[in-house]
C-alpha atoms as a PDB file:
ATOM      1  CA  MET A   1     108.329 108.363  92.753  1.00  0.00           C
ATOM      2  CA  PRO A   2     106.118 105.726  92.883  1.00  0.00           C
ATOM      3  CA  HIS A   3     102.111 106.238  93.247  1.00  0.00           C
ATOM      4  CA  ILE A   4     100.222 105.453  96.287  1.00  0.00           C
ATOM      5  CA  PRO A   5      97.020 104.529  95.773  1.00  0.00           C
ATOM      6  CA  THR A   6      94.234 106.864  97.290  1.00  0.00           C
ATOM      7  CA  PRO A   7      91.180 104.894  99.823  1.00  0.00           C
ATOM      8  CA  GLU A   8      89.346 105.733  96.433  1.00  0.00           C
ATOM      9  CA  GLU A   9      91.413 103.785  94.036  1.00  0.00           C
ATOM     10  CA  ILE A  10      90.929 100.908  96.276  1.00  0.00           C
ATOM     11  CA  GLU A  11      87.979 100.913  96.982  1.00  0.00           C
ATOM     12  CA  ARG A  12      86.878 101.134  93.383  1.00  0.00           C
ATOM     13  CA  LEU A  13      89.401  98.584  92.621  1.00  0.00           C
ATOM     14  CA  ILE A  14      87.945  96.057  95.462  1.00  0.00           C
ATOM     15  CA  ILE A  15      84.060  96.910  94.124  1.00  0.00           C
ATOM     16  CA  GLU A  16      85.707  95.935  90.337  1.00  0.00           C
ATOM     17  CA  ARG A  17      86.711  92.770  91.785  1.00  0.00           C
ATOM     18  CA  ALA A  18      83.735  92.075  93.747  1.00  0.00           C
ATOM     19  CA  THR A  19      81.687  92.498  91.070  1.00  0.00           C
ATOM     20  CA  THR A  20      83.399  90.400  88.790  1.00  0.00           C
ATOM     21  CA  ASP A  21      84.971  87.350  91.199  1.00  0.00           C
ATOM     22  CA  PRO A  22      81.792  85.711  92.657  1.00  0.00           C
ATOM     23  CA  ASP A  23      84.216  84.132  94.802  1.00  0.00           C
ATOM     24  CA  PHE A  24      86.221  86.797  95.896  1.00  0.00           C
ATOM     25  CA  ARG A  25      82.450  88.321  96.770  1.00  0.00           C
ATOM     26  CA  ALA A  26      81.725  85.679  98.387  1.00  0.00           C
ATOM     27  CA  ARG A  27      84.920  85.658 100.912  1.00  0.00           C
ATOM     28  CA  LEU A  28      84.388  89.264 101.086  1.00  0.00           C
ATOM     29  CA  LEU A  29      81.514  89.488 102.644  1.00  0.00           C
ATOM     30  CA  ALA A  30      82.438  86.168 104.977  1.00  0.00           C
ATOM     31  CA  ASP A  31      85.496  87.435 106.402  1.00  0.00           C
ATOM     32  CA  PRO A  32      86.292  91.446 105.053  1.00  0.00           C
ATOM     33  CA  ARG A  33      89.197  91.545 106.848  1.00  0.00           C
ATOM     34  CA  GLY A  34      90.931  88.142 106.209  1.00  0.00           C
ATOM     35  CA  THR A  35      90.038  88.865 102.393  1.00  0.00           C
ATOM     36  CA  LEU A  36      91.709  92.451 101.927  1.00  0.00           C
ATOM     37  CA  GLN A  37      94.710  91.297 103.848  1.00  0.00           C
ATOM     38  CA  SER A  38      95.541  88.244 101.841  1.00  0.00           C
ATOM     39  CA  ASP A  39      94.215  89.882  97.838  1.00  0.00           C
ATOM     40  CA  PHE A  40      95.180  93.423  98.895  1.00  0.00           C
ATOM     41  CA  PHE A  41      98.494  94.294 101.227  1.00  0.00           C
ATOM     42  CA  SER A  42     101.269  92.974 101.810  1.00  0.00           C
ATOM     43  CA  ASP A  43     101.399  94.566 105.503  1.00  0.00           C
ATOM     44  CA  PRO A  44      99.226  94.014 108.697  1.00  0.00           C
ATOM     45  CA  ILE A  45      95.837  96.146 108.841  1.00  0.00           C
ATOM     46  CA  PRO A  46      95.915  97.537 112.441  1.00  0.00           C
ATOM     47  CA  GLU A  47      93.137  95.403 114.433  1.00  0.00           C
ATOM     48  CA  GLN A  48      91.644  98.537 115.656  1.00  0.00           C
ATOM     49  CA  ILE A  49      90.555  99.417 112.596  1.00  0.00           C
ATOM     50  CA  ARG A  50      87.138  97.709 112.268  1.00  0.00           C
ATOM     51  CA  ILE A  51      86.439  96.192 108.354  1.00  0.00           C
ATOM     52  CA  THR A  52      81.659  96.102 107.683  1.00  0.00           C
ATOM     53  CA  VAL A  53      81.303  94.824 104.000  1.00  0.00           C
ATOM     54  CA  LEU A  54      77.855  95.443 103.019  1.00  0.00           C
ATOM     55  CA  GLU A  55      75.909  94.708 100.146  1.00  0.00           C
ATOM     56  CA  GLN A  56      73.528  96.758  98.643  1.00  0.00           C
ATOM     57  CA  ALA A  57      69.751  95.658  98.274  1.00  0.00           C
ATOM     58  CA  PRO A  58      68.531  96.618  94.837  1.00  0.00           C
ATOM     59  CA  ASP A  59      65.485  98.817  96.363  1.00  0.00           C
ATOM     60  CA  GLU A  60      68.060 100.753  99.093  1.00  0.00           C
ATOM     61  CA  ALA A  61      70.459 103.879  99.039  1.00  0.00           C
ATOM     62  CA  MET A  62      73.251 103.687 101.165  1.00  0.00           C
ATOM     63  CA  ILE A  63      75.256 106.886 102.484  1.00  0.00           C
ATOM     64  CA  VAL A  64      78.315 106.585 104.238  1.00  0.00           C
ATOM     65  CA  LEU A  65      79.763 109.419 106.283  1.00  0.00           C
ATOM     66  CA  PRO A  66      83.005 110.059 107.487  1.00  0.00           C
ATOM     67  CA  SER A  67      83.484 110.949 111.337  1.00  0.00           C
ATOM     68  CA  ALA A  68      82.807 114.379 112.002  1.00  0.00           C
ATOM     69  CA  VAL A  69      86.016 116.472 111.626  1.00  0.00           C
ATOM     70  CA  GLY A  70      86.005 120.295 112.393  1.00  0.00           C
ATOM     71  CA  GLY A  71      87.981 122.497 110.715  1.00  0.00           C
ATOM     72  CA  ASP A  72      90.702 122.409 107.763  1.00  0.00           C
ATOM     73  CA  VAL A  73      91.891 119.248 107.220  1.00  0.00           C
ATOM     74  CA  THR A  74      94.574 117.875 105.266  1.00  0.00           C
ATOM     75  CA  ASP A  75      94.196 115.333 102.110  1.00  0.00           C
ATOM     76  CA  SER A  76      95.998 112.228 104.213  1.00  0.00           C
ATOM     77  CA  GLU A  77      93.571 113.388 107.557  1.00  0.00           C
ATOM     78  CA  LEU A  78      90.539 113.080 105.176  1.00  0.00           C
ATOM     79  CA  ALA A  79      91.738 109.706 104.010  1.00  0.00           C
ATOM     80  CA  GLY A  80      92.843 108.739 107.717  1.00  0.00           C
ATOM     81  CA  ALA A  81      89.026 109.340 108.728  1.00  0.00           C
ATOM     82  CA  ALA A  82      87.466 107.193 105.345  1.00  0.00           C
ATOM     83  CA  PHE A  83      89.142 104.531 106.921  1.00  0.00           C
ATOM     84  CA  GLY A  84      88.838 104.809 110.671  1.00  0.00           C
ATOM     85  CA  GLY A  85      92.288 107.062 111.269  1.00  0.00           C
ATOM     86  CA  TRP A  86      94.503 104.797 108.620  1.00  0.00           C
ATOM     87  CA  ASP A  87      95.165 106.266 105.851  1.00  0.00           C
ATOM     88  CA  PRO A  88      96.061 102.926 103.313  1.00  0.00           C
ATOM     89  CA  GLY A  89      97.592 105.396 100.812  1.00  0.00           C
ATOM     90  CA  GLY A  90      99.452 106.925 103.030  1.00  0.00           C
ATOM     91  CA  GLY A  91     103.358 106.798 104.292  1.00  0.00           C
ATOM     92  CA  THR A  92     102.384 104.621 107.429  1.00  0.00           C
ATOM     93  CA  SER A  93      99.904 102.680 105.667  1.00  0.00           C
ATOM     94  CA  PRO A  94     100.142  98.826 105.181  1.00  0.00           C
ATOM     95  CA  GLY A  95     101.662  98.408 101.569  1.00  0.00           C
ATOM     96  CA  CYS A  96      99.509  97.991  98.841  1.00  0.00           C
ATOM     97  CA  ASN A  97      99.241  94.684  97.477  1.00  0.00           C
ATOM     98  CA  VAL A  98      97.135  94.850  94.749  1.00  0.00           C
ATOM     99  CA  GLN A  99      97.388  92.604  91.501  1.00  0.00           C
ATOM    100  CA  SER A 100      95.022  94.753  89.186  1.00  0.00           C
ATOM    101  CA  CYS A 101      95.927  98.296  90.057  1.00  0.00           C
ATOM    102  CA  GLN A 102      96.896 100.034  87.065  1.00  0.00           C
ATOM    103  CA  TYR A 103      99.789 102.067  88.851  1.00  0.00           C
ATOM    104  CA  SER A 104     103.586 101.033  89.552  1.00  0.00           C
ATOM    105  CA  CYS A 105     103.749 101.172  93.223  1.00  0.00           C
ATOM    106  CA  THR A 106     106.748  99.860  95.347  1.00  0.00           C
END
């Protein structure tokens, strides 16, 4: 069975690339949706998903909280909360097109 990257793995790959590729970083800050779509996903990112990329200043700390959910949640539901209801690693998510990924997704 092919590995489907988790939201955390995708985020790690994006951050790693943004710290080593100044052009990618600039494009990501200027046009997050377009950059992620062209560089990471083969299927369209749903329009209802808002994508925000912030550059953290050296003197600040950022904490991103998932949306409030009650009761027991599945891994897929938790991943969806982190991506605004869209699970990039789930069965209904856009396809992964990560060129530098260590996994063999199909």
